[in-house]
Amino acid sequence: MKKLFAISSIIVVLGLVFSGCGKDDKDPVFDPAQTQKPAILSPANGSEIILLESQKEQPFVIQWSPAVYNLENLPATKYILQMDTTTTFATAQTLISSENTQWESTVEGFNQKLINFGLSTGVAHEVFFRVNSFIVNNNGKESTYSEVAKYVITPYSAAIYVKPIYLLGSATSAGWNNTAALPMAWIGGGQFAIVETLTPGSGQYIKFISVLGQWAPQWGTDATGTPEAGPLVYRPTESVPDPAAIPAPADPADYRIVADTLNLTYTVTKTSSQLYILGDGTPAGWDNTAALPMTKVAPGIFEIQVQLSGGGKYLKFIEVLGQWAPQYGTDANGTSDGGTLVYRPDESVQDPPAIPCPATAGTYTVKVNLATLKYEIK
């Protein structure tokens, strides 16, 4: 009887052990509530940062702690660092999207990003940052955001002075008078641009010069140059033979002419001779048959005084009444004060973002420069 009792006791104990193992041996389940969010560590939240040109070569780094999920052996966590001037992050700029837990730039590079975002130099601005972490989908249930970090940042002004180059030729309003050649706007790197009404036809040409009243330095082309694009041939001094002139297009129109003196190329592209403004921030609304005509001040430069609605409204520019292409919008950095124009040449190209209207309703002067592809709202 004692042996029988002992065997029965062992069976009962093993049963309890296996029963306990069965309850605990379940697949782990992802629980968003257990996720440890990333946290921006450096610079410290609330820091006041004054950027200095004298320190432009120094690194500027934003670091954050990694997100921790309640599961192991997951794919690598991904991070998106966002910057905006409001806590809604409605117009956020992405600084990095990677598996790193830091973003590194130089003081100069960060300063330029702030300027491109529309922040004026020499003035303190509240700038907000947050980190989005996720495994697969930044909109999925595994996506989480850090707490928002606020910095008070003062960008510096890094003025760049670039001497213009000039357009002239029988196809231009300046003719071959090298004292009256037309100044071109510097648009970055070695690129200069102008919009000019060109005279078409055989025997009409253009060139570029560097100094008014002098024929050297100058840029022409070679036998492969066309009215649309081609290589630039540089003539540094009078001792070097003149390069061939660039042939003018066949159609009379306004053309955007870009000379790249660094890569030695040029382009000549037909551009708008008429421009209209529309949008829910304008009296025309989004009715592209009722868009408001802008005044052509000069080739490629248009202005209008118009009543604009308050914040949350938008505008765009179109070339032809009743058509959505060609049109001009802006990019992610476009503001209600000004920014870069983004061109949509035809319906096959995706619409660019609309331009935000100022926060306060009122009468504004809107100016468009198709040479520099910039707009201003004052």
Protein backbone atom coordinates (compact mmCIF):
# COMPACT_ATOMS: atom_id res chain seq x y z
CA MET A 1 0.00 0.00 0.00
CA LYS A 2 2.86 2.44 0.76
CA LYS A 3 4.47 1.79 -2.69
CA LEU A 4 1.17 2.31 -4.45
CA PHE A 5 0.67 5.61 -2.58
CA ALA A 6 4.17 6.80 -3.55
CA ILE A 7 3.67 6.07 -7.26
CA SER A 8 0.33 7.87 -7.22
CA SER A 9 1.97 10.94 -5.60
CA ILE A 10 4.66 11.13 -8.30
CA ILE A 11 2.04 10.98 -11.09
CA VAL A 12 0.10 13.81 -9.46
CA VAL A 13 3.24 16.00 -9.13
CA LEU A 14 4.32 15.44 -12.78
CA GLY A 15 0.83 16.25 -13.91
CA LEU A 16 0.98 19.55 -12.05
CA VAL A 17 4.41 20.34 -13.58
CA PHE A 18 3.29 19.70 -17.17
CA SER A 19 0.07 21.53 -16.55
CA GLY A 20 2.08 24.56 -15.36
CA CYS A 21 4.37 24.37 -18.40
CA GLY A 22 1.39 24.33 -20.72
CA LYS A 23 0.06 27.57 -19.30
CA ASP A 24 3.40 29.43 -19.65
CA ASP A 25 4.57 27.99 -22.99
CA LYS A 26 2.75 30.49 -25.30
CA ASP A 27 4.14 32.50 -28.23
CA PRO A 28 5.03 36.05 -27.11
CA VAL A 29 2.64 38.74 -28.35
CA PHE A 30 3.64 42.25 -29.45
CA ASP A 31 2.26 44.79 -26.99
CA PRO A 32 2.62 48.47 -28.06
CA ALA A 33 1.93 49.53 -24.48
CA GLN A 34 5.24 47.91 -23.44
CA THR A 35 7.32 49.73 -26.08
CA GLN A 36 10.00 51.99 -24.64
CA LYS A 37 9.95 55.06 -26.87
CA PRO A 38 13.12 56.64 -28.20
CA ALA A 39 14.17 59.83 -26.40
CA ILE A 40 16.24 62.70 -27.77
CA LEU A 41 19.32 62.91 -25.54
CA SER A 42 21.52 65.57 -27.08
CA PRO A 43 21.27 68.50 -27.33
CA ALA A 44 19.21 68.64 -24.16
CA ASN A 45 15.57 69.63 -24.49
CA GLY A 46 15.19 73.40 -24.09
CA SER A 47 18.74 74.20 -25.21
CA GLU A 48 19.48 77.61 -26.72
CA ILE A 49 21.74 77.16 -29.74
CA ILE A 50 23.49 80.04 -31.48
CA LEU A 51 25.17 78.89 -34.69
CA LEU A 52 28.40 80.71 -35.60
CA GLU A 53 30.07 80.90 -39.00
CA SER A 54 33.45 80.69 -37.28
CA GLN A 55 32.47 77.16 -36.17
CA LYS A 56 31.02 76.05 -39.50
CA GLU A 57 33.40 73.10 -39.89
CA GLN A 58 32.53 71.67 -36.48
CA PRO A 59 30.09 68.73 -36.23
CA PHE A 60 26.48 69.24 -35.24
CA VAL A 61 24.94 66.05 -33.85
CA ILE A 62 21.47 65.08 -32.59
CA GLN A 63 21.42 61.81 -30.61
CA TRP A 64 18.56 59.70 -29.25
CA SER A 65 18.13 56.51 -27.26
CA PRO A 66 16.97 53.39 -29.12
CA ALA A 67 13.40 52.18 -28.95
CA VAL A 68 12.91 48.96 -27.00
CA TYR A 69 10.14 46.54 -27.96
CA ASN A 70 8.80 43.71 -25.82
CA LEU A 71 9.85 41.07 -28.37
CA GLU A 72 13.31 39.72 -29.14
CA ASN A 73 14.93 38.82 -32.48
CA LEU A 74 13.04 41.53 -34.36
CA PRO A 75 14.36 43.11 -37.57
CA ALA A 76 16.47 46.22 -37.07
CA THR A 77 14.60 49.24 -35.76
CA LYS A 78 14.39 52.19 -38.15
CA TYR A 79 14.30 55.86 -37.19
CA ILE A 80 13.09 59.06 -38.81
CA LEU A 81 14.27 62.37 -37.35
CA GLN A 82 11.85 65.24 -38.09
CA MET A 83 12.22 69.00 -37.70
CA ASP A 84 9.49 71.65 -37.78
CA THR A 85 8.65 75.08 -36.42
CA THR A 86 5.39 73.88 -34.84
CA THR A 87 4.55 70.96 -32.59
CA THR A 88 1.99 69.67 -35.10
CA PHE A 89 4.80 68.74 -37.53
CA ALA A 90 2.40 69.53 -40.37
CA THR A 91 5.26 70.74 -42.58
CA ALA A 92 8.00 68.60 -41.04
CA GLN A 93 11.33 68.15 -42.77
CA THR A 94 12.96 64.73 -42.52
CA LEU A 95 16.63 65.04 -41.60
CA ILE A 96 17.46 61.33 -41.66
CA SER A 97 15.75 57.97 -42.17
CA SER A 98 18.03 55.12 -41.14
CA GLU A 99 18.87 52.53 -38.48
CA ASN A 100 21.24 54.98 -36.75
CA THR A 101 20.42 56.58 -33.42
CA GLN A 102 22.01 59.89 -34.35
CA TRP A 103 22.05 62.46 -37.15
CA GLU A 104 25.34 64.20 -37.84
CA SER A 105 25.99 67.26 -39.97
CA THR A 106 28.30 70.24 -39.76
CA VAL A 107 27.32 73.57 -38.24
CA GLU A 108 27.36 74.97 -41.77
CA GLY A 109 25.19 72.15 -43.13
CA PHE A 110 22.64 72.46 -40.31
CA ASN A 111 22.61 76.24 -40.67
CA GLN A 112 21.83 75.89 -44.38
CA LYS A 113 18.97 73.47 -43.67
CA LEU A 114 17.43 76.04 -41.32
CA ILE A 115 17.76 78.77 -43.97
CA ASN A 116 16.26 76.48 -46.63
CA PHE A 117 13.39 75.83 -44.23
CA GLY A 118 12.64 79.55 -44.35
CA LEU A 119 14.17 80.67 -41.04
CA SER A 120 15.68 84.16 -41.11
CA THR A 121 19.25 84.61 -39.95
CA GLY A 122 20.32 86.50 -36.86
CA VAL A 123 16.97 85.80 -35.16
CA ALA A 124 16.15 83.19 -32.51
CA HIS A 125 13.55 80.62 -33.59
CA GLU A 126 11.75 77.86 -31.71
CA VAL A 127 12.49 74.66 -33.61
CA PHE A 128 10.97 71.31 -32.67
CA PHE A 129 12.37 67.81 -33.21
CA ARG A 130 10.99 64.31 -32.75
CA VAL A 131 12.05 60.76 -33.60
CA ASN A 132 9.72 58.20 -35.17
CA SER A 133 10.79 54.58 -34.60
CA PHE A 134 9.32 51.54 -36.33
CA ILE A 135 10.17 48.01 -37.47
CA VAL A 136 8.40 47.64 -40.82
CA ASN A 137 5.90 50.45 -41.35
CA ASN A 138 6.16 53.93 -39.87
CA ASN A 139 2.34 54.06 -39.86
CA GLY A 140 1.90 50.60 -38.36
CA LYS A 141 1.12 49.60 -34.78
CA GLU A 142 4.84 49.20 -34.07
CA SER A 143 5.41 52.88 -34.92
CA THR A 144 6.03 55.20 -31.99
CA TYR A 145 7.25 58.77 -31.49
CA SER A 146 9.62 60.27 -28.98
CA GLU A 147 8.61 63.20 -26.85
CA VAL A 148 9.09 66.48 -28.71
CA ALA A 149 12.35 68.33 -28.03
CA LYS A 150 12.35 72.12 -28.38
CA TYR A 151 15.44 74.18 -29.13
CA VAL A 152 15.80 77.94 -29.52
CA ILE A 153 18.14 78.26 -32.51
CA THR A 154 19.71 81.33 -34.14
CA PRO A 155 21.06 80.70 -37.66
CA TYR A 156 23.85 82.84 -39.02
CA SER A 157 24.01 84.66 -42.34
CA ALA A 158 26.58 83.29 -44.75
CA ALA A 159 26.41 85.76 -47.59
CA ILE A 160 27.83 84.53 -50.88
CA TYR A 161 28.82 87.11 -53.47
CA VAL A 162 29.07 85.80 -57.00
CA LYS A 163 29.88 87.97 -59.99
CA PRO A 164 27.21 87.66 -62.69
CA ILE A 165 27.81 86.55 -66.23
CA TYR A 166 25.98 88.18 -69.12
CA LEU A 167 23.86 87.10 -72.10
CA LEU A 168 24.11 88.77 -75.48
CA GLY A 169 23.72 88.00 -79.18
CA SER A 170 21.67 88.82 -82.25
CA ALA A 171 18.73 86.81 -80.81
CA THR A 172 18.59 88.97 -77.66
CA SER A 173 17.45 92.51 -76.89
CA ALA A 174 21.10 93.47 -76.26
CA GLY A 175 22.30 92.44 -79.72
CA TRP A 176 26.07 92.06 -80.00
CA ASN A 177 26.69 95.17 -77.86
CA ASN A 178 28.95 93.80 -75.13
CA THR A 179 28.43 96.91 -73.00
CA ALA A 180 24.66 96.26 -72.89
CA ALA A 181 24.73 92.50 -72.30
CA LEU A 182 22.03 91.18 -69.95
CA PRO A 183 23.05 90.12 -66.42
CA MET A 184 22.18 86.54 -65.48
CA ALA A 185 21.17 85.48 -61.95
CA TRP A 186 23.37 83.02 -60.04
CA ILE A 187 21.22 80.02 -59.04
CA GLY A 188 23.84 77.83 -57.35
CA GLY A 189 27.14 76.13 -58.09
CA GLY A 190 28.37 77.41 -61.43
CA GLN A 191 24.86 77.92 -62.80
CA PHE A 192 23.46 81.23 -64.02
CA ALA A 193 19.96 81.77 -65.44
CA ILE A 194 17.89 84.38 -67.26
CA VAL A 195 14.55 84.50 -69.04
CA GLU A 196 14.76 86.41 -72.31
CA THR A 197 12.51 86.89 -75.33
CA LEU A 198 14.57 85.44 -78.17
CA THR A 199 14.34 86.39 -81.84
CA PRO A 200 13.98 83.17 -83.83
CA GLY A 201 15.23 82.25 -87.25
CA SER A 202 18.33 81.38 -89.18
CA GLY A 203 21.33 83.52 -88.38
CA GLN A 204 20.21 84.40 -84.82
CA TYR A 205 22.61 83.45 -82.03
CA ILE A 206 23.56 83.93 -78.37
CA LYS A 207 26.73 83.82 -76.26
CA PHE A 208 27.80 84.55 -72.69
CA ILE A 209 30.50 86.94 -71.46
CA SER A 210 32.09 87.50 -68.05
CA VAL A 211 32.90 91.24 -68.15
CA LEU A 212 30.83 94.02 -69.68
CA GLY A 213 32.65 95.64 -72.58
CA GLN A 214 35.05 92.73 -73.08
CA TRP A 215 34.92 89.70 -75.39
CA ALA A 216 36.98 87.53 -73.07
CA PRO A 217 36.29 85.59 -71.00
CA GLN A 218 33.30 84.27 -72.99
CA TRP A 219 31.38 81.05 -73.59
CA GLY A 220 30.02 79.71 -76.85
CA THR A 221 29.54 76.14 -78.07
CA ASP A 222 30.87 73.67 -80.64
CA ALA A 223 29.41 71.97 -83.70
CA THR A 224 27.20 69.74 -81.53
CA GLY A 225 25.40 72.62 -79.80
CA THR A 226 21.68 72.90 -80.59
CA PRO A 227 19.02 75.55 -79.90
CA GLU A 228 17.89 73.45 -76.89
CA ALA A 229 21.11 72.31 -75.20
CA GLY A 230 24.75 71.52 -75.64
CA PRO A 231 28.30 71.94 -74.39
CA LEU A 232 29.82 75.30 -73.48
CA VAL A 233 33.21 76.14 -74.94
CA TYR A 234 35.22 78.57 -72.82
CA ARG A 235 37.40 81.34 -74.21
CA PRO A 236 39.54 82.59 -71.31
CA THR A 237 41.54 85.31 -73.12
CA GLU A 238 41.75 87.24 -76.38
CA SER A 239 44.57 84.96 -77.49
CA VAL A 240 42.18 82.02 -77.80
CA PRO A 241 39.93 81.83 -80.91
CA ASP A 242 36.22 82.61 -80.51
CA PRO A 243 34.04 79.53 -79.96
CA ALA A 244 30.98 79.05 -82.16
CA ALA A 245 27.83 80.98 -81.19
CA ILE A 246 24.78 79.14 -79.86
CA PRO A 247 21.88 78.98 -82.37
CA ALA A 248 18.55 80.47 -81.29
CA PRO A 249 15.33 78.39 -81.19
CA ALA A 250 12.97 78.46 -84.16
CA ASP A 251 9.89 79.81 -82.33
CA PRO A 252 9.49 83.36 -80.98
CA ALA A 253 8.90 83.04 -77.23
CA ASP A 254 10.30 83.64 -73.76
CA TYR A 255 13.07 81.17 -72.95
CA ARG A 256 14.77 80.20 -69.70
CA ILE A 257 18.47 80.07 -70.47
CA VAL A 258 20.81 78.34 -68.02
CA ALA A 259 24.59 78.41 -68.40
CA ASP A 260 26.55 76.01 -66.20
CA THR A 261 30.09 77.40 -66.17
CA LEU A 262 31.31 74.60 -63.89
CA ASN A 263 30.13 71.61 -65.93
CA LEU A 264 30.29 73.56 -69.22
CA THR A 265 26.75 72.91 -70.44
CA TYR A 266 23.78 75.09 -71.36
CA THR A 267 20.01 74.64 -71.76
CA VAL A 268 17.41 76.82 -73.52
CA THR A 269 13.81 76.01 -72.55
CA LYS A 270 10.59 77.73 -73.59
CA THR A 271 8.87 79.20 -70.55
CA SER A 272 5.69 81.02 -69.60
CA SER A 273 4.74 84.20 -71.42
CA GLN A 274 1.55 84.44 -69.33
CA LEU A 275 0.90 83.33 -65.75
CA TYR A 276 -2.24 83.03 -63.63
CA ILE A 277 -2.74 82.63 -59.88
CA LEU A 278 -5.44 80.45 -58.26
CA GLY A 279 -6.15 78.47 -55.12
CA ASP A 280 -8.55 78.37 -52.17
CA GLY A 281 -6.57 81.25 -50.67
CA THR A 282 -7.36 83.49 -53.67
CA PRO A 283 -10.65 84.97 -54.99
CA ALA A 284 -10.50 82.50 -57.91
CA GLY A 285 -10.64 79.40 -55.71
CA TRP A 286 -9.49 76.23 -57.47
CA ASP A 287 -11.48 77.04 -60.63
CA ASN A 288 -8.75 76.95 -63.27
CA THR A 289 -11.01 78.75 -65.75
CA ALA A 290 -11.27 81.74 -63.38
CA ALA A 291 -7.59 82.04 -62.38
CA LEU A 292 -6.36 85.63 -62.04
CA PRO A 293 -3.90 86.99 -64.63
CA MET A 294 -0.57 88.23 -63.29
CA THR A 295 1.27 91.24 -64.75
CA LYS A 296 4.37 90.45 -66.78
CA VAL A 297 6.92 92.95 -65.46
CA ALA A 298 9.76 91.56 -67.58
CA PRO A 299 10.48 88.28 -69.35
CA GLY A 300 10.03 85.59 -66.69
CA ILE A 301 8.96 88.01 -63.94
CA PHE A 302 5.28 88.26 -62.95
CA GLU A 303 3.52 90.17 -60.17
CA ILE A 304 0.02 90.63 -58.82
CA GLN A 305 -1.60 92.39 -55.88
CA VAL A 306 -4.27 90.06 -54.59
CA GLN A 307 -6.49 89.50 -51.56
CA LEU A 308 -5.34 86.32 -49.81
CA SER A 309 -7.23 84.37 -47.18
CA GLY A 310 -5.72 83.50 -43.81
CA GLY A 311 -3.74 80.44 -42.75
CA GLY A 312 -4.67 76.98 -43.94
CA LYS A 313 -5.28 78.15 -47.51
CA TYR A 314 -3.08 77.65 -50.56
CA LEU A 315 -2.24 78.92 -54.04
CA LYS A 316 -0.52 77.85 -57.26
CA PHE A 317 0.29 79.27 -60.69
CA ILE A 318 -0.84 78.00 -64.10
CA GLU A 319 0.08 79.01 -67.66
CA VAL A 320 -3.17 78.29 -69.50
CA LEU A 321 -6.74 78.97 -68.33
CA GLY A 322 -8.70 75.76 -67.95
CA GLN A 323 -5.61 73.52 -67.80
CA TRP A 324 -3.72 72.07 -64.81
CA ALA A 325 -0.46 71.81 -66.73
CA PRO A 326 1.89 73.53 -67.09
CA GLN A 327 1.73 74.70 -63.46
CA TYR A 328 4.01 75.82 -60.64
CA GLY A 329 3.82 74.80 -56.98
CA THR A 330 6.59 74.55 -54.42
CA ASP A 331 8.57 71.95 -52.45
CA ALA A 332 8.50 70.85 -48.81
CA ASN A 333 10.42 73.96 -47.77
CA GLY A 334 8.08 76.49 -49.39
CA THR A 335 6.61 79.00 -46.92
CA SER A 336 3.98 81.76 -46.93
CA ASP A 337 6.81 84.31 -47.39
CA GLY A 338 8.63 82.71 -50.31
CA GLY A 339 10.42 79.67 -51.58
CA THR A 340 11.37 77.56 -54.57
CA LEU A 341 9.02 77.00 -57.49
CA VAL A 342 8.52 73.43 -58.70
CA TYR A 343 7.42 73.11 -62.34
CA ARG A 344 4.90 70.60 -63.64
CA PRO A 345 5.27 70.63 -67.44
CA ASP A 346 2.44 68.24 -68.34
CA GLU A 347 -0.23 65.90 -66.95
CA SER A 348 2.19 62.96 -66.80
CA VAL A 349 4.11 64.65 -63.98
CA GLN A 350 2.78 64.56 -60.41
CA ASP A 351 1.36 67.79 -58.96
CA PRO A 352 3.85 69.72 -56.83
CA PRO A 353 2.73 70.82 -53.33
CA ALA A 354 0.64 73.99 -53.18
CA ILE A 355 2.08 77.21 -51.74
CA PRO A 356 0.78 78.13 -48.26
CA CYS A 357 -0.92 81.50 -47.81
CA PRO A 358 0.11 83.90 -45.02
CA ALA A 359 -1.52 83.39 -41.64
CA THR A 360 -3.28 86.78 -41.75
CA ALA A 361 -5.80 87.64 -44.45
CA GLY A 362 -5.07 90.78 -46.44
CA THR A 363 -3.77 92.28 -49.67
CA TYR A 364 -0.40 90.88 -50.71
CA THR A 365 2.05 91.37 -53.56
CA VAL A 366 2.93 88.00 -55.08
CA LYS A 367 6.03 87.93 -57.27
CA VAL A 368 7.33 85.08 -59.43
CA ASN A 369 10.80 84.87 -61.00
CA LEU A 370 11.00 82.06 -63.55
CA ALA A 371 14.74 82.57 -64.09
CA THR A 372 15.62 81.78 -60.47
CA LEU A 373 12.48 79.66 -59.94
CA LYS A 374 11.61 81.59 -56.79
CA TYR A 375 8.44 83.25 -55.47
CA GLU A 376 7.84 85.97 -52.88
CA ILE A 377 4.72 86.96 -50.95
CA LYS A 378 4.77 90.33 -49.19
